[in-house]
Amino acid sequence: MSHLLSVSIPDDLMAQFERQARERGLTKSELAREALRREIDRDRWAGVFRAGERLAERAGIGPEDVEAIVDQVRAEMAGGH
C-alpha cells in the first residue's frame, strides 16, 4: 500500500532535489523514498552506537582500548576459539 505525502520545500532545496533526481535517473518520488529510508537507517544506527557507547562506558572501555580488544578477538578467532 502507498500513501501520498505532501510537503513544502524551499525553492533552492527543490532545485537541488530535482537536479539530483535527474543526475541519478530517478523520479522525485524514488529519490524521496530513498532519502527517507536513509534517514531512518541513520537514526537506527545512531541508536545502536549510543547503546554501544553506554555499554562500553559501563564496562570501563574507552576509545584507547578498542584496538587491543579487536586484536584480542582476532587472535581468538584465528586460534579457533
PDB file of N, CA and C in Angstrom:
ATOM      1  N   MET A   1       0.832  -1.166   0.000  1.00  0.00           N
ATOM      2  CA  MET A   1       0.000   0.000   0.000  1.00  0.00           C
ATOM      3  C   MET A   1       0.884   1.240   0.000  1.00  0.00           C
ATOM      4  N   SER A   2       0.496   2.242  -0.708  1.00  0.00           N
ATOM      5  CA  SER A   2       1.240   3.501  -0.775  1.00  0.00           C
ATOM      6  C   SER A   2       0.422   4.623  -0.165  1.00  0.00           C
ATOM      7  N   HIS A   3       1.138   5.633   0.304  1.00  0.00           N
ATOM      8  CA  HIS A   3       0.498   6.825   0.866  1.00  0.00           C
ATOM      9  C   HIS A   3       1.074   8.041   0.176  1.00  0.00           C
ATOM     10  N   LEU A   4       0.275   9.042   0.049  1.00  0.00           N
ATOM     11  CA  LEU A   4       0.710  10.297  -0.556  1.00  0.00           C
ATOM     12  C   LEU A   4       1.097  11.258   0.556  1.00  0.00           C
ATOM     13  N   LEU A   5       2.272  11.845   0.435  1.00  0.00           N
ATOM     14  CA  LEU A   5       2.778  12.794   1.422  1.00  0.00           C
ATOM     15  C   LEU A   5       2.996  14.127   0.731  1.00  0.00           C
ATOM     16  N   SER A   6       2.462  15.159   1.282  1.00  0.00           N
ATOM     17  CA  SER A   6       2.626  16.489   0.700  1.00  0.00           C
ATOM     18  C   SER A   6       3.493  17.314   1.650  1.00  0.00           C
ATOM     19  N   VAL A   7       4.599  17.838   1.148  1.00  0.00           N
ATOM     20  CA  VAL A   7       5.490  18.645   1.975  1.00  0.00           C
ATOM     21  C   VAL A   7       5.839  19.937   1.245  1.00  0.00           C
ATOM     22  N   SER A   8       6.143  20.960   1.998  1.00  0.00           N
ATOM     23  CA  SER A   8       6.605  22.227   1.430  1.00  0.00           C
ATOM     24  C   SER A   8       8.119  22.219   1.436  1.00  0.00           C
ATOM     25  N   ILE A   9       8.713  22.555   0.288  1.00  0.00           N
ATOM     26  CA  ILE A   9      10.163  22.541   0.145  1.00  0.00           C
ATOM     27  C   ILE A   9      10.602  23.893  -0.414  1.00  0.00           C
ATOM     28  N   PRO A  10      11.583  24.539   0.216  1.00  0.00           N
ATOM     29  CA  PRO A  10      12.074  25.819  -0.297  1.00  0.00           C
ATOM     30  C   PRO A  10      12.615  25.656  -1.724  1.00  0.00           C
ATOM     31  N   ASP A  11      12.521  26.721  -2.499  1.00  0.00           N
ATOM     32  CA  ASP A  11      12.918  26.688  -3.910  1.00  0.00           C
ATOM     33  C   ASP A  11      14.339  26.177  -4.115  1.00  0.00           C
ATOM     34  N   ASP A  12      15.287  26.652  -3.315  1.00  0.00           N
ATOM     35  CA  ASP A  12      16.682  26.243  -3.511  1.00  0.00           C
ATOM     36  C   ASP A  12      16.882  24.752  -3.248  1.00  0.00           C
ATOM     37  N   LEU A  13      16.212  24.230  -2.223  1.00  0.00           N
ATOM     38  CA  LEU A  13      16.310  22.804  -1.920  1.00  0.00           C
ATOM     39  C   LEU A  13      15.623  21.977  -3.006  1.00  0.00           C
ATOM     40  N   MET A  14      14.497  22.460  -3.514  1.00  0.00           N
ATOM     41  CA  MET A  14      13.785  21.748  -4.565  1.00  0.00           C
ATOM     42  C   MET A  14      14.623  21.668  -5.838  1.00  0.00           C
ATOM     43  N   ALA A  15      15.314  22.737  -6.152  1.00  0.00           N
ATOM     44  CA  ALA A  15      16.170  22.738  -7.341  1.00  0.00           C
ATOM     45  C   ALA A  15      17.281  21.699  -7.194  1.00  0.00           C
ATOM     46  N   GLN A  16      17.883  21.621  -6.021  1.00  0.00           N
ATOM     47  CA  GLN A  16      18.922  20.621  -5.773  1.00  0.00           C
ATOM     48  C   GLN A  16      18.351  19.206  -5.842  1.00  0.00           C
ATOM     49  N   PHE A  17      17.171  19.040  -5.274  1.00  0.00           N
ATOM     50  CA  PHE A  17      16.493  17.746  -5.253  1.00  0.00           C
ATOM     51  C   PHE A  17      16.184  17.280  -6.679  1.00  0.00           C
ATOM     52  N   GLU A  18      15.621  18.164  -7.479  1.00  0.00           N
ATOM     53  CA  GLU A  18      15.291  17.821  -8.864  1.00  0.00           C
ATOM     54  C   GLU A  18      16.548  17.517  -9.671  1.00  0.00           C
ATOM     55  N   ARG A  19      17.592  18.294  -9.450  1.00  0.00           N
ATOM     56  CA  ARG A  19      18.856  18.064 -10.163  1.00  0.00           C
ATOM     57  C   ARG A  19      19.431  16.695  -9.794  1.00  0.00           C
ATOM     58  N   GLN A  20      19.408  16.373  -8.508  1.00  0.00           N
ATOM     59  CA  GLN A  20      19.946  15.082  -8.081  1.00  0.00           C
ATOM     60  C   GLN A  20      19.124  13.932  -8.646  1.00  0.00           C
ATOM     61  N   ALA A  21      17.809  14.057  -8.656  1.00  0.00           N
ATOM     62  CA  ALA A  21      16.957  13.014  -9.226  1.00  0.00           C
ATOM     63  C   ALA A  21      17.300  12.805 -10.701  1.00  0.00           C
ATOM     64  N   ARG A  22      17.437  13.892 -11.449  1.00  0.00           N
ATOM     65  CA  ARG A  22      17.804  13.795 -12.874  1.00  0.00           C
ATOM     66  C   ARG A  22      19.146  13.114 -13.055  1.00  0.00           C
ATOM     67  N   GLU A  23      20.145  13.573 -12.283  1.00  0.00           N
ATOM     68  CA  GLU A  23      21.503  13.034 -12.409  1.00  0.00           C
ATOM     69  C   GLU A  23      21.552  11.543 -12.081  1.00  0.00           C
ATOM     70  N   ARG A  24      20.722  11.105 -11.172  1.00  0.00           N
ATOM     71  CA  ARG A  24      20.728   9.701 -10.766  1.00  0.00           C
ATOM     72  C   ARG A  24      19.729   8.861 -11.540  1.00  0.00           C
ATOM     73  N   GLY A  25      18.962   9.514 -12.411  1.00  0.00           N
ATOM     74  CA  GLY A  25      17.983   8.785 -13.213  1.00  0.00           C
ATOM     75  C   GLY A  25      16.818   8.255 -12.401  1.00  0.00           C
ATOM     76  N   LEU A  26      16.445   8.991 -11.369  1.00  0.00           N
ATOM     77  CA  LEU A  26      15.345   8.591 -10.501  1.00  0.00           C
ATOM     78  C   LEU A  26      14.198   9.580 -10.629  1.00  0.00           C
ATOM     79  N   THR A  27      12.994   9.106 -10.325  1.00  0.00           N
ATOM     80  CA  THR A  27      11.886  10.049 -10.201  1.00  0.00           C
ATOM     81  C   THR A  27      12.046  10.764  -8.853  1.00  0.00           C
ATOM     82  N   LYS A  28      11.341  11.861  -8.702  1.00  0.00           N
ATOM     83  CA  LYS A  28      11.399  12.572  -7.412  1.00  0.00           C
ATOM     84  C   LYS A  28      10.846  11.691  -6.297  1.00  0.00           C
ATOM     85  N   SER A  29       9.833  10.900  -6.592  1.00  0.00           N
ATOM     86  CA  SER A  29       9.276  10.000  -5.579  1.00  0.00           C
ATOM     87  C   SER A  29      10.297   8.959  -5.155  1.00  0.00           C
ATOM     88  N   GLU A  30      11.014   8.375  -6.135  1.00  0.00           N
ATOM     89  CA  GLU A  30      12.034   7.382  -5.804  1.00  0.00           C
ATOM     90  C   GLU A  30      13.131   7.988  -4.944  1.00  0.00           C
ATOM     91  N   LEU A  31      13.573   9.186  -5.319  1.00  0.00           N
ATOM     92  CA  LEU A  31      14.629   9.842  -4.552  1.00  0.00           C
ATOM     93  C   LEU A  31      14.149  10.182  -3.143  1.00  0.00           C
ATOM     94  N   ALA A  32      12.915  10.647  -3.017  1.00  0.00           N
ATOM     95  CA  ALA A  32      12.370  10.979  -1.695  1.00  0.00           C
ATOM     96  C   ALA A  32      12.268   9.730  -0.823  1.00  0.00           C
ATOM     97  N   ARG A  33      11.791   8.619  -1.400  1.00  0.00           N
ATOM     98  CA  ARG A  33      11.709   7.372  -0.633  1.00  0.00           C
ATOM     99  C   ARG A  33      13.092   6.917  -0.188  1.00  0.00           C
ATOM    100  N   GLU A  34      14.059   7.005  -1.104  1.00  0.00           N
ATOM    101  CA  GLU A  34      15.429   6.621  -0.774  1.00  0.00           C
ATOM    102  C   GLU A  34      15.983   7.491   0.354  1.00  0.00           C
ATOM    103  N   ALA A  35      15.740   8.790   0.283  1.00  0.00           N
ATOM    104  CA  ALA A  35      16.228   9.711   1.314  1.00  0.00           C
ATOM    105  C   ALA A  35      15.576   9.406   2.663  1.00  0.00           C
ATOM    106  N   LEU A  36      14.284   9.103   2.665  1.00  0.00           N
ATOM    107  CA  LEU A  36      13.603   8.771   3.913  1.00  0.00           C
ATOM    108  C   LEU A  36      14.155   7.477   4.507  1.00  0.00           C
ATOM    109  N   ARG A  37      14.356   6.470   3.660  1.00  0.00           N
ATOM    110  CA  ARG A  37      14.924   5.212   4.152  1.00  0.00           C
ATOM    111  C   ARG A  37      16.308   5.434   4.743  1.00  0.00           C
ATOM    112  N   ARG A  38      17.129   6.237   4.045  1.00  0.00           N
ATOM    113  CA  ARG A  38      18.485   6.505   4.505  1.00  0.00           C
ATOM    114  C   ARG A  38      18.456   7.227   5.855  1.00  0.00           C
ATOM    115  N   GLU A  39      17.569   8.179   6.010  1.00  0.00           N
ATOM    116  CA  GLU A  39      17.466   8.933   7.265  1.00  0.00           C
ATOM    117  C   GLU A  39      17.004   8.025   8.410  1.00  0.00           C
ATOM    118  N   ILE A  40      16.033   7.165   8.127  1.00  0.00           N
ATOM    119  CA  ILE A  40      15.549   6.228   9.145  1.00  0.00           C
ATOM    120  C   ILE A  40      16.663   5.275   9.539  1.00  0.00           C
ATOM    121  N   ASP A  41      17.403   4.750   8.558  1.00  0.00           N
ATOM    122  CA  ASP A  41      18.535   3.870   8.844  1.00  0.00           C
ATOM    123  C   ASP A  41      19.611   4.596   9.651  1.00  0.00           C
ATOM    124  N   ARG A  42      19.877   5.836   9.298  1.00  0.00           N
ATOM    125  CA  ARG A  42      20.887   6.619  10.018  1.00  0.00           C
ATOM    126  C   ARG A  42      20.490   6.782  11.486  1.00  0.00           C
ATOM    127  N   ASP A  43      19.221   7.079  11.726  1.00  0.00           N
ATOM    128  CA  ASP A  43      18.742   7.207  13.107  1.00  0.00           C
ATOM    129  C   ASP A  43      18.853   5.885  13.853  1.00  0.00           C
ATOM    130  N   ARG A  44      18.521   4.782  13.175  1.00  0.00           N
ATOM    131  CA  ARG A  44      18.608   3.467  13.802  1.00  0.00           C
ATOM    132  C   ARG A  44      20.050   3.162  14.186  1.00  0.00           C
ATOM    133  N   TRP A  45      20.993   3.401  13.262  1.00  0.00           N
ATOM    134  CA  TRP A  45      22.405   3.151  13.563  1.00  0.00           C
ATOM    135  C   TRP A  45      22.913   4.073  14.663  1.00  0.00           C
ATOM    136  N   ALA A  46      22.438   5.308  14.680  1.00  0.00           N
ATOM    137  CA  ALA A  46      22.844   6.224  15.747  1.00  0.00           C
ATOM    138  C   ALA A  46      22.419   5.662  17.099  1.00  0.00           C
ATOM    139  N   GLY A  47      21.243   5.054  17.158  1.00  0.00           N
ATOM    140  CA  GLY A  47      20.779   4.417  18.390  1.00  0.00           C
ATOM    141  C   GLY A  47      21.652   3.241  18.783  1.00  0.00           C
ATOM    142  N   VAL A  48      22.074   2.462  17.798  1.00  0.00           N
ATOM    143  CA  VAL A  48      22.964   1.332  18.066  1.00  0.00           C
ATOM    144  C   VAL A  48      24.287   1.829  18.640  1.00  0.00           C
ATOM    145  N   PHE A  49      24.846   2.872  18.030  1.00  0.00           N
ATOM    146  CA  PHE A  49      26.116   3.412  18.514  1.00  0.00           C
ATOM    147  C   PHE A  49      25.983   3.996  19.919  1.00  0.00           C
ATOM    148  N   ARG A  50      24.872   4.685  20.176  1.00  0.00           N
ATOM    149  CA  ARG A  50      24.661   5.228  21.531  1.00  0.00           C
ATOM    150  C   ARG A  50      24.590   4.097  22.561  1.00  0.00           C
ATOM    151  N   ALA A  51      23.892   3.017  22.204  1.00  0.00           N
ATOM    152  CA  ALA A  51      23.795   1.872  23.120  1.00  0.00           C
ATOM    153  C   ALA A  51      25.181   1.269  23.341  1.00  0.00           C
ATOM    154  N   GLY A  52      25.967   1.148  22.281  1.00  0.00           N
ATOM    155  CA  GLY A  52      27.324   0.617  22.411  1.00  0.00           C
ATOM    156  C   GLY A  52      28.194   1.487  23.287  1.00  0.00           C
ATOM    157  N   GLU A  53      28.045   2.792  23.138  1.00  0.00           N
ATOM    158  CA  GLU A  53      28.827   3.718  23.968  1.00  0.00           C
ATOM    159  C   GLU A  53      28.454   3.576  25.438  1.00  0.00           C
ATOM    160  N   ARG A  54      27.161   3.417  25.715  1.00  0.00           N
ATOM    161  CA  ARG A  54      26.726   3.235  27.112  1.00  0.00           C
ATOM    162  C   ARG A  54      27.284   1.941  27.691  1.00  0.00           C
ATOM    163  N   LEU A  55      27.221   0.851  26.902  1.00  0.00           N
ATOM    164  CA  LEU A  55      27.749  -0.433  27.374  1.00  0.00           C
ATOM    165  C   LEU A  55      29.256  -0.355  27.603  1.00  0.00           C
ATOM    166  N   ALA A  56      29.968   0.291  26.680  1.00  0.00           N
ATOM    167  CA  ALA A  56      31.422   0.423  26.830  1.00  0.00           C
ATOM    168  C   ALA A  56      31.751   1.238  28.074  1.00  0.00           C
ATOM    169  N   GLU A  57      30.989   2.297  28.303  1.00  0.00           N
ATOM    170  CA  GLU A  57      31.238   3.136  29.486  1.00  0.00           C
ATOM    171  C   GLU A  57      31.029   2.330  30.764  1.00  0.00           C
ATOM    172  N   ARG A  58      29.960   1.535  30.803  1.00  0.00           N
ATOM    173  CA  ARG A  58      29.695   0.697  31.988  1.00  0.00           C
ATOM    174  C   ARG A  58      30.803  -0.328  32.208  1.00  0.00           C
ATOM    175  N   ALA A  59      31.375  -0.814  31.095  1.00  0.00           N
ATOM    176  CA  ALA A  59      32.434  -1.828  31.191  1.00  0.00           C
ATOM    177  C   ALA A  59      33.809  -1.206  31.386  1.00  0.00           C
ATOM    178  N   GLY A  60      33.865   0.129  31.392  1.00  0.00           N
ATOM    179  CA  GLY A  60      35.138   0.806  31.578  1.00  0.00           C
ATOM    180  C   GLY A  60      36.035   0.752  30.350  1.00  0.00           C
ATOM    181  N   ILE A  61      35.420   0.601  29.179  1.00  0.00           N
ATOM    182  CA  ILE A  61      36.176   0.539  27.925  1.00  0.00           C
ATOM    183  C   ILE A  61      36.132   1.906  27.261  1.00  0.00           C
ATOM    184  N   GLY A  62      37.306   2.425  26.928  1.00  0.00           N
ATOM    185  CA  GLY A  62      37.385   3.715  26.251  1.00  0.00           C
ATOM    186  C   GLY A  62      37.934   3.545  24.842  1.00  0.00           C
ATOM    187  N   PRO A  63      37.926   4.606  24.058  1.00  0.00           N
ATOM    188  CA  PRO A  63      38.423   4.539  22.679  1.00  0.00           C
ATOM    189  C   PRO A  63      39.855   4.010  22.598  1.00  0.00           C
ATOM    190  N   GLU A  64      40.644   4.308  23.610  1.00  0.00           N
ATOM    191  CA  GLU A  64      42.043   3.861  23.612  1.00  0.00           C
ATOM    192  C   GLU A  64      42.167   2.344  23.772  1.00  0.00           C
ATOM    193  N   ASP A  65      41.093   1.685  24.212  1.00  0.00           N
ATOM    194  CA  ASP A  65      41.111   0.235  24.442  1.00  0.00           C
ATOM    195  C   ASP A  65      40.674  -0.579  23.221  1.00  0.00           C
ATOM    196  N   VAL A  66      40.056   0.069  22.271  1.00  0.00           N
ATOM    197  CA  VAL A  66      39.419  -0.648  21.159  1.00  0.00           C
ATOM    198  C   VAL A  66      40.411  -1.468  20.339  1.00  0.00           C
ATOM    199  N   GLU A  67      41.528  -0.894  19.982  1.00  0.00           N
ATOM    200  CA  GLU A  67      42.487  -1.607  19.135  1.00  0.00           C
ATOM    201  C   GLU A  67      42.959  -2.901  19.801  1.00  0.00           C
ATOM    202  N   ALA A  68      43.256  -2.843  21.084  1.00  0.00           N
ATOM    203  CA  ALA A  68      43.716  -4.037  21.809  1.00  0.00           C
ATOM    204  C   ALA A  68      42.608  -5.088  21.867  1.00  0.00           C
ATOM    205  N   ILE A  69      41.374  -4.660  22.051  1.00  0.00           N
ATOM    206  CA  ILE A  69      40.252  -5.606  22.107  1.00  0.00           C
ATOM    207  C   ILE A  69      40.056  -6.270  20.743  1.00  0.00           C
ATOM    208  N   VAL A  70      40.119  -5.487  19.676  1.00  0.00           N
ATOM    209  CA  VAL A  70      39.984  -6.045  18.330  1.00  0.00           C
ATOM    210  C   VAL A  70      41.096  -7.051  18.062  1.00  0.00           C
ATOM    211  N   ASP A  71      42.323  -6.696  18.419  1.00  0.00           N
ATOM    212  CA  ASP A  71      43.450  -7.617  18.239  1.00  0.00           C
ATOM    213  C   ASP A  71      43.219  -8.919  19.007  1.00  0.00           C
ATOM    214  N   GLN A  72      42.713  -8.805  20.232  1.00  0.00           N
ATOM    215  CA  GLN A  72      42.462  -9.986  21.060  1.00  0.00           C
ATOM    216  C   GLN A  72      41.400 -10.882  20.426  1.00  0.00           C
ATOM    217  N   VAL A  73      40.310 -10.289  19.949  1.00  0.00           N
ATOM    218  CA  VAL A  73      39.239 -11.071  19.325  1.00  0.00           C
ATOM    219  C   VAL A  73      39.742 -11.741  18.057  1.00  0.00           C
ATOM    220  N   ARG A  74      40.519 -11.012  17.259  1.00  0.00           N
ATOM    221  CA  ARG A  74      41.066 -11.607  16.031  1.00  0.00           C
ATOM    222  C   ARG A  74      41.977 -12.788  16.351  1.00  0.00           C
ATOM    223  N   ALA A  75      42.786 -12.649  17.381  1.00  0.00           N
ATOM    224  CA  ALA A  75      43.697 -13.745  17.769  1.00  0.00           C
ATOM    225  C   ALA A  75      42.887 -14.944  18.228  1.00  0.00           C
ATOM    226  N   GLU A  76      41.830 -14.722  18.991  1.00  0.00           N
ATOM    227  CA  GLU A  76      40.986 -15.825  19.459  1.00  0.00           C
ATOM    228  C   GLU A  76      40.286 -16.520  18.283  1.00  0.00           C
ATOM    229  N   MET A  77      39.836 -15.734  17.308  1.00  0.00           N
ATOM    230  CA  MET A  77      39.166 -16.301  16.138  1.00  0.00           C
ATOM    231  C   MET A  77      40.157 -17.098  15.286  1.00  0.00           C
ATOM    232  N   ALA A  78      41.360 -16.615  15.155  1.00  0.00           N
ATOM    233  CA  ALA A  78      42.379 -17.305  14.363  1.00  0.00           C
ATOM    234  C   ALA A  78      42.804 -18.611  15.037  1.00  0.00           C
ATOM    235  N   GLY A  79      42.741 -18.620  16.338  1.00  0.00           N
ATOM    236  CA  GLY A  79      43.131 -19.806  17.084  1.00  0.00           C
ATOM    237  C   GLY A  79      42.023 -20.847  17.200  1.00  0.00           C
ATOM    238  N   GLY A  80      40.868 -20.523  16.639  1.00  0.00           N
ATOM    239  CA  GLY A  80      39.752 -21.479  16.660  1.00  0.00           C
ATOM    240  C   GLY A  80      38.928 -21.469  17.921  1.00  0.00           C
ATOM    241  N   HIS A  81      39.052 -20.430  18.712  1.00  0.00           N
ATOM    242  CA  HIS A  81      38.280 -20.380  19.974  1.00  0.00           C
ATOM    243  C   HIS A  81      36.950 -19.764  19.758  1.00  0.00           C
TER     244      HIS A  81
END
